Amino acid sequence: SYVEERIQFHRVCDLKACRQFLTDRNIRLYGVEIVDGATNIEHADFSNKICAFMMGNEGSGMNKGQLDICDEFVIIPQYGSGTASLNVSNA
């Protein structure tokens, strides 16, 4: 598919392995989460960076372990009435 031809997907067994995989390759991990200090994704500077994104559960967001391994956080603004969460399967 179009996406699979342009984006690399890798599977790891746990968060520790995920962090090590990314660190070994100098890849920044962005958590997509509403937290203090998160940058609006429309204003984030991804230039000259290889990056990965981690998204949490639609209901409760990211857990502490996931939050702890992220380098930075971005938010994806939601417009209109309704929920502030993003359905990952539709992202």
PDB file of N, CA and C in Angstrom:
ATOM      1  N   SER A   1       0.832  -1.188   0.000  1.00  0.00           N
ATOM      2  CA  SER A   1       0.000   0.000   0.000  1.00  0.00           C
ATOM      3  C   SER A   1       0.874   1.248   0.000  1.00  0.00           C
ATOM      4  N   TYR A   2       0.266   2.371  -0.255  1.00  0.00           N
ATOM      5  CA  TYR A   2       0.976   3.644  -0.309  1.00  0.00           C
ATOM      6  C   TYR A   2       1.735   3.910   0.990  1.00  0.00           C
ATOM      7  N   VAL A   3       1.053   3.728   2.115  1.00  0.00           N
ATOM      8  CA  VAL A   3       1.669   3.994   3.414  1.00  0.00           C
ATOM      9  C   VAL A   3       2.834   3.047   3.665  1.00  0.00           C
ATOM     10  N   GLU A   4       2.648   1.778   3.429  1.00  0.00           N
ATOM     11  CA  GLU A   4       3.695   0.792   3.688  1.00  0.00           C
ATOM     12  C   GLU A   4       4.930   1.013   2.819  1.00  0.00           C
ATOM     13  N   GLU A   5       4.775   1.632   1.692  1.00  0.00           N
ATOM     14  CA  GLU A   5       5.909   1.926   0.823  1.00  0.00           C
ATOM     15  C   GLU A   5       6.714   3.118   1.324  1.00  0.00           C
ATOM     16  N   ARG A   6       6.124   3.960   2.168  1.00  0.00           N
ATOM     17  CA  ARG A   6       6.775   5.192   2.593  1.00  0.00           C
ATOM     18  C   ARG A   6       7.096   5.270   4.081  1.00  0.00           C
ATOM     19  N   ILE A   7       6.469   4.428   4.874  1.00  0.00           N
ATOM     20  CA  ILE A   7       6.680   4.444   6.319  1.00  0.00           C
ATOM     21  C   ILE A   7       7.169   3.068   6.752  1.00  0.00           C
ATOM     22  N   GLN A   8       8.216   3.058   7.572  1.00  0.00           N
ATOM     23  CA  GLN A   8       8.737   1.797   8.083  1.00  0.00           C
ATOM     24  C   GLN A   8       8.029   1.450   9.386  1.00  0.00           C
ATOM     25  N   PHE A   9       7.570   0.229   9.486  1.00  0.00           N
ATOM     26  CA  PHE A   9       6.942  -0.263  10.701  1.00  0.00           C
ATOM     27  C   PHE A   9       7.847  -1.316  11.318  1.00  0.00           C
ATOM     28  N   HIS A  10       8.037  -1.249  12.640  1.00  0.00           N
ATOM     29  CA  HIS A  10       8.844  -2.227  13.365  1.00  0.00           C
ATOM     30  C   HIS A  10       8.063  -2.676  14.592  1.00  0.00           C
ATOM     31  N   ARG A  11       8.144  -3.936  14.907  1.00  0.00           N
ATOM     32  CA  ARG A  11       7.469  -4.482  16.077  1.00  0.00           C
ATOM     33  C   ARG A  11       8.525  -4.827  17.121  1.00  0.00           C
ATOM     34  N   VAL A  12       8.288  -4.416  18.361  1.00  0.00           N
ATOM     35  CA  VAL A  12       9.170  -4.738  19.475  1.00  0.00           C
ATOM     36  C   VAL A  12       8.343  -5.395  20.575  1.00  0.00           C
ATOM     37  N   CYS A  13       9.024  -6.083  21.497  1.00  0.00           N
ATOM     38  CA  CYS A  13       8.296  -6.894  22.477  1.00  0.00           C
ATOM     39  C   CYS A  13       7.817  -6.118  23.706  1.00  0.00           C
ATOM     40  N   ASP A  14       8.466  -5.002  24.041  1.00  0.00           N
ATOM     41  CA  ASP A  14       8.046  -4.234  25.213  1.00  0.00           C
ATOM     42  C   ASP A  14       8.599  -2.816  25.128  1.00  0.00           C
ATOM     43  N   LEU A  15       8.244  -1.998  26.107  1.00  0.00           N
ATOM     44  CA  LEU A  15       8.652  -0.594  26.087  1.00  0.00           C
ATOM     45  C   LEU A  15      10.163  -0.417  26.196  1.00  0.00           C
ATOM     46  N   LYS A  16      10.819  -1.247  26.995  1.00  0.00           N
ATOM     47  CA  LYS A  16      12.276  -1.157  27.125  1.00  0.00           C
ATOM     48  C   LYS A  16      12.944  -1.425  25.776  1.00  0.00           C
ATOM     49  N   ALA A  17      12.473  -2.443  25.072  1.00  0.00           N
ATOM     50  CA  ALA A  17      13.021  -2.761  23.747  1.00  0.00           C
ATOM     51  C   ALA A  17      12.709  -1.652  22.749  1.00  0.00           C
ATOM     52  N   CYS A  18      11.546  -1.059  22.884  1.00  0.00           N
ATOM     53  CA  CYS A  18      11.168   0.066  22.017  1.00  0.00           C
ATOM     54  C   CYS A  18      12.129   1.232  22.212  1.00  0.00           C
ATOM     55  N   ARG A  19      12.354   1.604  23.472  1.00  0.00           N
ATOM     56  CA  ARG A  19      13.246   2.730  23.759  1.00  0.00           C
ATOM     57  C   ARG A  19      14.658   2.442  23.249  1.00  0.00           C
ATOM     58  N   GLN A  20      15.136   1.201  23.434  1.00  0.00           N
ATOM     59  CA  GLN A  20      16.478   0.846  22.990  1.00  0.00           C
ATOM     60  C   GLN A  20      16.584   0.877  21.469  1.00  0.00           C
ATOM     61  N   PHE A  21      15.590   0.340  20.793  1.00  0.00           N
ATOM     62  CA  PHE A  21      15.550   0.335  19.329  1.00  0.00           C
ATOM     63  C   PHE A  21      15.661   1.761  18.792  1.00  0.00           C
ATOM     64  N   LEU A  22      14.884   2.662  19.366  1.00  0.00           N
ATOM     65  CA  LEU A  22      14.873   4.054  18.904  1.00  0.00           C
ATOM     66  C   LEU A  22      16.174   4.771  19.248  1.00  0.00           C
ATOM     67  N   THR A  23      16.675   4.556  20.445  1.00  0.00           N
ATOM     68  CA  THR A  23      17.923   5.192  20.875  1.00  0.00           C
ATOM     69  C   THR A  23      19.087   4.755  19.993  1.00  0.00           C
ATOM     70  N   ASP A  24      19.158   3.472  19.698  1.00  0.00           N
ATOM     71  CA  ASP A  24      20.238   2.946  18.859  1.00  0.00           C
ATOM     72  C   ASP A  24      20.253   3.584  17.474  1.00  0.00           C
ATOM     73  N   ARG A  25      19.120   4.061  17.026  1.00  0.00           N
ATOM     74  CA  ARG A  25      18.989   4.626  15.684  1.00  0.00           C
ATOM     75  C   ARG A  25      18.832   6.150  15.694  1.00  0.00           C
ATOM     76  N   ASN A  26      19.008   6.746  16.873  1.00  0.00           N
ATOM     77  CA  ASN A  26      18.893   8.196  17.025  1.00  0.00           C
ATOM     78  C   ASN A  26      17.532   8.714  16.540  1.00  0.00           C
ATOM     79  N   ILE A  27      16.481   8.006  16.937  1.00  0.00           N
ATOM     80  CA  ILE A  27      15.111   8.357  16.550  1.00  0.00           C
ATOM     81  C   ILE A  27      14.405   8.982  17.753  1.00  0.00           C
ATOM     82  N   ARG A  28      13.821  10.163  17.557  1.00  0.00           N
ATOM     83  CA  ARG A  28      13.070  10.843  18.620  1.00  0.00           C
ATOM     84  C   ARG A  28      11.689  10.220  18.725  1.00  0.00           C
ATOM     85  N   LEU A  29      11.222  10.002  19.953  1.00  0.00           N
ATOM     86  CA  LEU A  29       9.896   9.444  20.186  1.00  0.00           C
ATOM     87  C   LEU A  29       8.971  10.546  20.680  1.00  0.00           C
ATOM     88  N   TYR A  30       7.939  10.806  19.893  1.00  0.00           N
ATOM     89  CA  TYR A  30       6.933  11.799  20.236  1.00  0.00           C
ATOM     90  C   TYR A  30       5.685  11.091  20.748  1.00  0.00           C
ATOM     91  N   GLY A  31       5.295  11.419  21.962  1.00  0.00           N
ATOM     92  CA  GLY A  31       4.032  10.930  22.486  1.00  0.00           C
ATOM     93  C   GLY A  31       2.926  11.858  22.030  1.00  0.00           C
ATOM     94  N   VAL A  32       1.864  11.289  21.506  1.00  0.00           N
ATOM     95  CA  VAL A  32       0.709  12.092  21.097  1.00  0.00           C
ATOM     96  C   VAL A  32      -0.267  12.039  22.265  1.00  0.00           C
ATOM     97  N   GLU A  33      -0.197  13.081  23.098  1.00  0.00           N
ATOM     98  CA  GLU A  33      -0.925  13.056  24.365  1.00  0.00           C
ATOM     99  C   GLU A  33      -1.149  14.474  24.865  1.00  0.00           C
ATOM    100  N   ILE A  34      -2.269  14.689  25.517  1.00  0.00           N
ATOM    101  CA  ILE A  34      -2.576  15.992  26.106  1.00  0.00           C
ATOM    102  C   ILE A  34      -1.917  16.031  27.481  1.00  0.00           C
ATOM    103  N   VAL A  35      -0.726  16.626  27.526  1.00  0.00           N
ATOM    104  CA  VAL A  35       0.021  16.781  28.777  1.00  0.00           C
ATOM    105  C   VAL A  35       0.585  18.196  28.826  1.00  0.00           C
ATOM    106  N   ASP A  36       0.938  18.652  30.025  1.00  0.00           N
ATOM    107  CA  ASP A  36       1.571  19.965  30.167  1.00  0.00           C
ATOM    108  C   ASP A  36       2.839  20.001  29.324  1.00  0.00           C
ATOM    109  N   GLY A  37       3.023  21.070  28.581  1.00  0.00           N
ATOM    110  CA  GLY A  37       4.217  21.243  27.772  1.00  0.00           C
ATOM    111  C   GLY A  37       4.156  20.625  26.385  1.00  0.00           C
ATOM    112  N   ALA A  38       3.056  19.946  26.053  1.00  0.00           N
ATOM    113  CA  ALA A  38       2.919  19.359  24.714  1.00  0.00           C
ATOM    114  C   ALA A  38       2.798  20.476  23.677  1.00  0.00           C
ATOM    115  N   THR A  39       3.390  20.248  22.515  1.00  0.00           N
ATOM    116  CA  THR A  39       3.366  21.206  21.412  1.00  0.00           C
ATOM    117  C   THR A  39       2.254  20.846  20.435  1.00  0.00           C
ATOM    118  N   ASN A  40       1.522  21.826  19.988  1.00  0.00           N
ATOM    119  CA  ASN A  40       0.535  21.600  18.938  1.00  0.00           C
ATOM    120  C   ASN A  40       1.283  21.030  17.730  1.00  0.00           C
ATOM    121  N   ILE A  41       0.823  19.932  17.185  1.00  0.00           N
ATOM    122  CA  ILE A  41       1.535  19.263  16.087  1.00  0.00           C
ATOM    123  C   ILE A  41       1.689  20.181  14.872  1.00  0.00           C
ATOM    124  N   GLU A  42       0.783  21.146  14.734  1.00  0.00           N
ATOM    125  CA  GLU A  42       0.880  22.092  13.627  1.00  0.00           C
ATOM    126  C   GLU A  42       2.078  23.027  13.773  1.00  0.00           C
ATOM    127  N   HIS A  43       2.621  23.146  14.986  1.00  0.00           N
ATOM    128  CA  HIS A  43       3.740  24.044  15.252  1.00  0.00           C
ATOM    129  C   HIS A  43       5.024  23.294  15.612  1.00  0.00           C
ATOM    130  N   ALA A  44       4.973  21.993  15.647  1.00  0.00           N
ATOM    131  CA  ALA A  44       6.155  21.192  16.003  1.00  0.00           C
ATOM    132  C   ALA A  44       7.156  21.209  14.851  1.00  0.00           C
ATOM    133  N   ASP A  45       8.430  21.218  15.202  1.00  0.00           N
ATOM    134  CA  ASP A  45       9.503  21.228  14.205  1.00  0.00           C
ATOM    135  C   ASP A  45      10.074  19.820  14.060  1.00  0.00           C
ATOM    136  N   PHE A  46       9.711  19.169  12.994  1.00  0.00           N
ATOM    137  CA  PHE A  46      10.204  17.819  12.718  1.00  0.00           C
ATOM    138  C   PHE A  46      11.330  17.825  11.682  1.00  0.00           C
ATOM    139  N   SER A  47      11.785  19.007  11.297  1.00  0.00           N
ATOM    140  CA  SER A  47      12.819  19.091  10.266  1.00  0.00           C
ATOM    141  C   SER A  47      14.109  18.449  10.765  1.00  0.00           C
ATOM    142  N   ASN A  48      14.755  17.745   9.880  1.00  0.00           N
ATOM    143  CA  ASN A  48      16.034  17.096  10.160  1.00  0.00           C
ATOM    144  C   ASN A  48      15.972  16.119  11.324  1.00  0.00           C
ATOM    145  N   LYS A  49      14.824  15.539  11.567  1.00  0.00           N
ATOM    146  CA  LYS A  49      14.681  14.564  12.643  1.00  0.00           C
ATOM    147  C   LYS A  49      14.006  13.313  12.103  1.00  0.00           C
ATOM    148  N   ILE A  50      14.553  12.183  12.454  1.00  0.00           N
ATOM    149  CA  ILE A  50      13.854  10.927  12.218  1.00  0.00           C
ATOM    150  C   ILE A  50      13.022  10.713  13.471  1.00  0.00           C
ATOM    151  N   CYS A  51      11.741  10.437  13.311  1.00  0.00           N
ATOM    152  CA  CYS A  51      10.910  10.360  14.502  1.00  0.00           C
ATOM    153  C   CYS A  51       9.916   9.212  14.442  1.00  0.00           C
ATOM    154  N   ALA A  52       9.445   8.876  15.624  1.00  0.00           N
ATOM    155  CA  ALA A  52       8.399   7.877  15.799  1.00  0.00           C
ATOM    156  C   ALA A  52       7.325   8.511  16.679  1.00  0.00           C
ATOM    157  N   PHE A  53       6.113   8.004  16.542  1.00  0.00           N
ATOM    158  CA  PHE A  53       4.997   8.523  17.324  1.00  0.00           C
ATOM    159  C   PHE A  53       4.362   7.390  18.113  1.00  0.00           C
ATOM    160  N   MET A  54       4.042   7.686  19.369  1.00  0.00           N
ATOM    161  CA  MET A  54       3.333   6.720  20.204  1.00  0.00           C
ATOM    162  C   MET A  54       2.000   7.336  20.603  1.00  0.00           C
ATOM    163  N   MET A  55       0.953   6.566  20.398  1.00  0.00           N
ATOM    164  CA  MET A  55      -0.383   7.028  20.760  1.00  0.00           C
ATOM    165  C   MET A  55      -0.953   6.092  21.803  1.00  0.00           C
ATOM    166  N   GLY A  56      -1.693   6.657  22.727  1.00  0.00           N
ATOM    167  CA  GLY A  56      -2.251   5.873  23.819  1.00  0.00           C
ATOM    168  C   GLY A  56      -3.659   5.393  23.541  1.00  0.00           C
ATOM    169  N   ASN A  57      -4.251   4.892  24.577  1.00  0.00           N
ATOM    170  CA  ASN A  57      -5.616   4.381  24.560  1.00  0.00           C
ATOM    171  C   ASN A  57      -6.595   5.536  24.380  1.00  0.00           C
ATOM    172  N   GLU A  58      -7.607   5.327  23.577  1.00  0.00           N
ATOM    173  CA  GLU A  58      -8.574   6.394  23.305  1.00  0.00           C
ATOM    174  C   GLU A  58      -9.266   6.873  24.573  1.00  0.00           C
ATOM    175  N   GLY A  59      -9.494   5.993  25.504  1.00  0.00           N
ATOM    176  CA  GLY A  59     -10.197   6.376  26.727  1.00  0.00           C
ATOM    177  C   GLY A  59      -9.292   6.972  27.788  1.00  0.00           C
ATOM    178  N   SER A  60      -8.187   6.290  28.098  1.00  0.00           N
ATOM    179  CA  SER A  60      -7.334   6.725  29.205  1.00  0.00           C
ATOM    180  C   SER A  60      -5.995   7.289  28.767  1.00  0.00           C
ATOM    181  N   GLY A  61      -5.723   7.322  27.492  1.00  0.00           N
ATOM    182  CA  GLY A  61      -4.464   7.878  27.007  1.00  0.00           C
ATOM    183  C   GLY A  61      -3.290   6.941  27.239  1.00  0.00           C
ATOM    184  N   MET A  62      -2.107   7.509  27.345  1.00  0.00           N
ATOM    185  CA  MET A  62      -0.890   6.724  27.525  1.00  0.00           C
ATOM    186  C   MET A  62      -0.702   6.383  28.995  1.00  0.00           C
ATOM    187  N   ASN A  63      -0.125   5.204  29.262  1.00  0.00           N
ATOM    188  CA  ASN A  63       0.151   4.840  30.650  1.00  0.00           C
ATOM    189  C   ASN A  63       1.497   5.428  31.074  1.00  0.00           C
ATOM    190  N   LYS A  64       1.845   5.306  32.354  1.00  0.00           N
ATOM    191  CA  LYS A  64       3.068   5.912  32.885  1.00  0.00           C
ATOM    192  C   LYS A  64       4.311   5.400  32.165  1.00  0.00           C
ATOM    193  N   GLY A  65       4.389   4.120  31.893  1.00  0.00           N
ATOM    194  CA  GLY A  65       5.541   3.570  31.196  1.00  0.00           C
ATOM    195  C   GLY A  65       5.717   4.172  29.812  1.00  0.00           C
ATOM    196  N   GLN A  66       4.616   4.346  29.104  1.00  0.00           N
ATOM    197  CA  GLN A  66       4.667   4.953  27.780  1.00  0.00           C
ATOM    198  C   GLN A  66       5.095   6.415  27.879  1.00  0.00           C
ATOM    199  N   LEU A  67       4.524   7.137  28.818  1.00  0.00           N
ATOM    200  CA  LEU A  67       4.882   8.549  29.004  1.00  0.00           C
ATOM    201  C   LEU A  67       6.361   8.698  29.331  1.00  0.00           C
ATOM    202  N   ASP A  68       6.872   7.803  30.152  1.00  0.00           N
ATOM    203  CA  ASP A  68       8.257   7.897  30.615  1.00  0.00           C
ATOM    204  C   ASP A  68       9.289   7.737  29.506  1.00  0.00           C
ATOM    205  N   ILE A  69       8.974   6.988  28.455  1.00  0.00           N
ATOM    206  CA  ILE A  69       9.991   6.765  27.420  1.00  0.00           C
ATOM    207  C   ILE A  69       9.956   7.784  26.289  1.00  0.00           C
ATOM    208  N   CYS A  70       8.976   8.666  26.295  1.00  0.00           N
ATOM    209  CA  CYS A  70       8.863   9.667  25.224  1.00  0.00           C
ATOM    210  C   CYS A  70       9.870  10.793  25.413  1.00  0.00           C
ATOM    211  N   ASP A  71      10.402  11.277  24.295  1.00  0.00           N
ATOM    212  CA  ASP A  71      11.322  12.413  24.313  1.00  0.00           C
ATOM    213  C   ASP A  71      10.573  13.737  24.392  1.00  0.00           C
ATOM    214  N   GLU A  72       9.473  13.806  23.684  1.00  0.00           N
ATOM    215  CA  GLU A  72       8.668  15.030  23.616  1.00  0.00           C
ATOM    216  C   GLU A  72       7.220  14.634  23.417  1.00  0.00           C
ATOM    217  N   PHE A  73       6.325  15.622  23.567  1.00  0.00           N
ATOM    218  CA  PHE A  73       4.898  15.366  23.384  1.00  0.00           C
ATOM    219  C   PHE A  73       4.297  16.383  22.421  1.00  0.00           C
ATOM    220  N   VAL A  74       3.372  15.898  21.625  1.00  0.00           N
ATOM    221  CA  VAL A  74       2.605  16.751  20.721  1.00  0.00           C
ATOM    222  C   VAL A  74       1.130  16.452  20.927  1.00  0.00           C
ATOM    223  N   ILE A  75       0.321  17.431  20.619  1.00  0.00           N
ATOM    224  CA  ILE A  75      -1.126  17.227  20.643  1.00  0.00           C
ATOM    225  C   ILE A  75      -1.667  17.471  19.241  1.00  0.00           C
ATOM    226  N   ILE A  76      -2.705  16.750  18.899  1.00  0.00           N
ATOM    227  CA  ILE A  76      -3.406  16.939  17.634  1.00  0.00           C
ATOM    228  C   ILE A  76      -4.737  17.602  17.990  1.00  0.00           C
ATOM    229  N   PRO A  77      -4.896  18.873  17.637  1.00  0.00           N
ATOM    230  CA  PRO A  77      -6.123  19.570  18.032  1.00  0.00           C
ATOM    231  C   PRO A  77      -7.356  18.941  17.392  1.00  0.00           C
ATOM    232  N   GLN A  78      -8.415  18.911  18.164  1.00  0.00           N
ATOM    233  CA  GLN A  78      -9.697  18.408  17.689  1.00  0.00           C
ATOM    234  C   GLN A  78     -10.639  19.602  17.575  1.00  0.00           C
ATOM    235  N   TYR A  79     -11.349  19.678  16.490  1.00  0.00           N
ATOM    236  CA  TYR A  79     -12.238  20.809  16.260  1.00  0.00           C
ATOM    237  C   TYR A  79     -13.685  20.352  16.315  1.00  0.00           C
ATOM    238  N   GLY A  80     -14.535  21.204  16.796  1.00  0.00           N
ATOM    239  CA  GLY A  80     -15.945  20.876  16.901  1.00  0.00           C
ATOM    240  C   GLY A  80     -16.274  20.344  18.285  1.00  0.00           C
ATOM    241  N   SER A  81     -17.549  20.099  18.499  1.00  0.00           N
ATOM    242  CA  SER A  81     -17.974  19.580  19.800  1.00  0.00           C
ATOM    243  C   SER A  81     -17.745  18.080  19.837  1.00  0.00           C
ATOM    244  N   GLY A  82     -17.708  17.560  21.009  1.00  0.00           N
ATOM    245  CA  GLY A  82     -17.494  16.125  21.164  1.00  0.00           C
ATOM    246  C   GLY A  82     -16.262  15.842  21.985  1.00  0.00           C
ATOM    247  N   THR A  83     -15.611  14.774  21.673  1.00  0.00           N
ATOM    248  CA  THR A  83     -14.486  14.291  22.468  1.00  0.00           C
ATOM    249  C   THR A  83     -13.170  14.968  22.115  1.00  0.00           C
ATOM    250  N   ALA A  84     -12.234  14.940  23.063  1.00  0.00           N
ATOM    251  CA  ALA A  84     -10.896  15.474  22.818  1.00  0.00           C
ATOM    252  C   ALA A  84      -9.947  14.358  22.397  1.00  0.00           C
ATOM    253  N   SER A  85     -10.450  13.129  22.300  1.00  0.00           N
ATOM    254  CA  SER A  85      -9.571  12.021  21.962  1.00  0.00           C
ATOM    255  C   SER A  85      -9.573  11.758  20.453  1.00  0.00           C
ATOM    256  N   LEU A  86      -8.536  11.084  20.004  1.00  0.00           N
ATOM    257  CA  LEU A  86      -8.372  10.742  18.601  1.00  0.00           C
ATOM    258  C   LEU A  86      -8.425   9.226  18.475  1.00  0.00           C
ATOM    259  N   ASN A  87      -9.254   8.719  17.611  1.00  0.00           N
ATOM    260  CA  ASN A  87      -9.320   7.278  17.393  1.00  0.00           C
ATOM    261  C   ASN A  87      -8.109   6.886  16.546  1.00  0.00           C
ATOM    262  N   VAL A  88      -7.170   6.143  17.135  1.00  0.00           N
ATOM    263  CA  VAL A  88      -5.917   5.800  16.484  1.00  0.00           C
ATOM    264  C   VAL A  88      -6.144   5.032  15.180  1.00  0.00           C
ATOM    265  N   SER A  89      -7.141   4.189  15.155  1.00  0.00           N
ATOM    266  CA  SER A  89      -7.384   3.409  13.935  1.00  0.00           C
ATOM    267  C   SER A  89      -7.798   4.296  12.763  1.00  0.00           C
ATOM    268  N   ASN A  90      -8.275   5.499  13.068  1.00  0.00           N
ATOM    269  CA  ASN A  90      -8.664   6.441  12.018  1.00  0.00           C
ATOM    270  C   ASN A  90      -7.605   7.486  11.738  1.00  0.00           C
ATOM    271  N   ALA A  91      -6.566   7.498  12.540  1.00  0.00           N
ATOM    272  CA  ALA A  91      -5.508   8.496  12.366  1.00  0.00           C
ATOM    273  C   ALA A  91      -4.682   8.136  11.210  1.00  0.00           C
TER     274      ALA A  91
END
